[in-house]
Amino acid sequence: MGPPSGGLCFVERKARRAGCAFKVALLMFCRERGLPHPGFLMLDTPLLTYREPLHSAAGPLSADEQAIKSTFLKDYFFAHLSSLGALGQIIVVENVDLPSRIAEMIAAAMFGKVPRPR
């Protein structure tokens, strides 16, 4: 059975976060041990759980989405990635706004229908 209309099921969201964590850990592991690594990561919507309920066809947030949204996970996620800059380049394709203190520390590009000031 596929995901519900307009969103990912609970297990797929957990797998997405686990896959992201594994990729980041692998970069760290290889760099710390002098092992080969391409030196960049491409993370596609690792914070998908943070979809906006008012602008989503998937409807209101589920209980697990609401629990995660009420934490500072997004802030810690981007802060951790920004601390890894010396290990390689990390490209994150995401649908959330960066925390303001992180946006000042990194190079970010916004793509969308409506132009937004940087």
Protein backbone atom coordinates (compact mmCIF):
# COMPACT_ATOMS: atom_id res chain seq x y z
CA MET A 1 0.00 0.00 0.00
CA GLY A 2 1.40 3.41 -0.96
CA PRO A 3 1.58 6.60 1.06
CA PRO A 4 -1.60 8.49 1.85
CA SER A 5 -2.66 11.05 -0.72
CA GLY A 6 -0.47 14.13 -0.52
CA GLY A 7 2.07 12.91 2.02
CA LEU A 8 4.46 10.27 3.21
CA CYS A 9 3.43 7.62 5.68
CA PHE A 10 4.96 7.47 9.17
CA VAL A 11 7.50 4.74 8.29
CA GLU A 12 8.68 6.55 5.15
CA ARG A 13 9.27 9.77 7.12
CA LYS A 14 11.29 7.86 9.73
CA ALA A 15 13.31 6.16 6.97
CA ARG A 16 14.01 9.54 5.34
CA ARG A 17 15.42 10.95 8.59
CA ALA A 18 17.45 7.78 9.25
CA GLY A 19 18.88 7.90 5.72
CA CYS A 20 19.90 11.52 6.19
CA ALA A 21 21.55 10.75 9.54
CA PHE A 22 23.42 7.82 7.96
CA LYS A 23 24.76 9.96 5.10
CA VAL A 24 26.01 12.65 7.48
CA ALA A 25 27.54 10.05 9.81
CA LEU A 26 29.28 8.37 6.87
CA LEU A 27 30.83 11.69 5.80
CA MET A 28 32.07 12.26 9.36
CA PHE A 29 33.35 8.68 9.70
CA CYS A 30 35.30 8.80 6.44
CA ARG A 31 36.82 12.22 7.08
CA GLU A 32 37.84 11.39 10.67
CA ARG A 33 39.61 8.22 9.53
CA GLY A 34 41.14 9.57 6.34
CA LEU A 35 38.98 7.28 4.19
CA PRO A 36 37.82 8.26 0.70
CA HIS A 37 34.58 10.21 0.37
CA PRO A 38 33.38 12.42 -2.53
CA GLY A 39 33.31 15.39 -0.14
CA PHE A 40 29.73 16.44 -0.65
CA LEU A 41 26.23 15.38 0.42
CA MET A 42 22.91 16.03 -1.24
CA LEU A 43 20.06 15.80 1.26
CA ASP A 44 16.61 15.90 -0.31
CA THR A 45 13.89 17.16 2.06
CA PRO A 46 15.28 15.63 5.26
CA LEU A 47 12.82 17.71 7.32
CA LEU A 48 9.74 16.80 5.32
CA THR A 49 7.85 16.30 8.57
CA TYR A 50 7.83 20.08 8.98
CA ARG A 51 5.33 20.67 6.18
CA GLU A 52 3.03 23.60 6.77
CA PRO A 53 -0.50 22.35 7.51
CA LEU A 54 -2.20 25.50 6.21
CA HIS A 55 -0.58 25.21 2.79
CA SER A 56 -0.54 21.44 2.39
CA ALA A 57 -2.96 19.23 0.52
CA ALA A 58 -2.18 16.54 3.11
CA GLY A 59 -4.30 18.30 5.74
CA PRO A 60 -3.47 18.96 9.39
CA LEU A 61 -0.32 17.62 11.00
CA SER A 62 -0.49 14.11 12.43
CA ALA A 63 0.41 13.55 16.11
CA ASP A 64 4.03 12.57 15.33
CA GLU A 65 4.45 15.55 12.99
CA GLN A 66 3.11 17.92 15.64
CA ALA A 67 5.40 16.44 18.31
CA ILE A 68 8.48 16.95 16.13
CA LYS A 69 7.43 20.40 14.96
CA SER A 70 7.17 21.60 18.56
CA THR A 71 10.87 20.81 19.18
CA PHE A 72 13.98 22.67 18.11
CA LEU A 73 15.03 19.75 15.89
CA LYS A 74 15.13 21.93 12.77
CA ASP A 75 17.44 24.45 14.47
CA TYR A 76 19.75 21.73 15.82
CA PHE A 77 19.78 19.97 12.43
CA PHE A 78 20.95 23.03 10.53
CA ALA A 79 23.38 24.07 13.31
CA HIS A 80 24.97 20.62 13.21
CA LEU A 81 25.30 20.66 9.41
CA SER A 82 26.82 24.15 9.50
CA SER A 83 29.45 22.88 11.95
CA LEU A 84 30.58 20.28 9.40
CA GLY A 85 31.69 22.76 6.73
CA ALA A 86 35.34 21.74 6.98
CA LEU A 87 34.43 18.13 6.13
CA GLY A 88 32.80 18.89 2.79
CA GLN A 89 29.93 20.59 1.04
CA ILE A 90 26.40 19.78 2.16
CA ILE A 91 23.53 20.66 -0.14
CA VAL A 92 20.08 20.59 1.45
CA VAL A 93 16.96 20.82 -0.70
CA GLU A 94 14.18 21.65 1.72
CA ASN A 95 10.83 23.41 2.03
CA VAL A 96 11.47 25.20 5.32
CA ASP A 97 12.97 28.56 6.19
CA LEU A 98 16.41 28.48 7.76
CA PRO A 99 16.75 29.64 11.35
CA SER A 100 17.99 33.26 11.13
CA ARG A 101 21.27 32.62 13.00
CA ILE A 102 22.11 29.76 10.61
CA ALA A 103 21.15 31.71 7.48
CA GLU A 104 23.80 34.28 8.41
CA MET A 105 26.53 31.61 8.66
CA ILE A 106 26.08 29.75 5.38
CA ALA A 107 25.54 30.30 1.67
CA ALA A 108 21.85 29.71 0.98
CA ALA A 109 19.89 30.01 -2.25
CA MET A 110 16.10 30.24 -2.37
CA PHE A 111 14.23 28.79 -5.32
CA GLY A 112 10.49 29.25 -5.74
CA LYS A 113 7.65 30.88 -7.57
CA VAL A 114 7.63 34.03 -5.46
CA PRO A 115 10.96 35.89 -5.15
CA ARG A 116 11.95 36.41 -1.52
CA PRO A 117 14.52 38.83 -0.13
CA ARG A 118 17.74 37.29 1.17
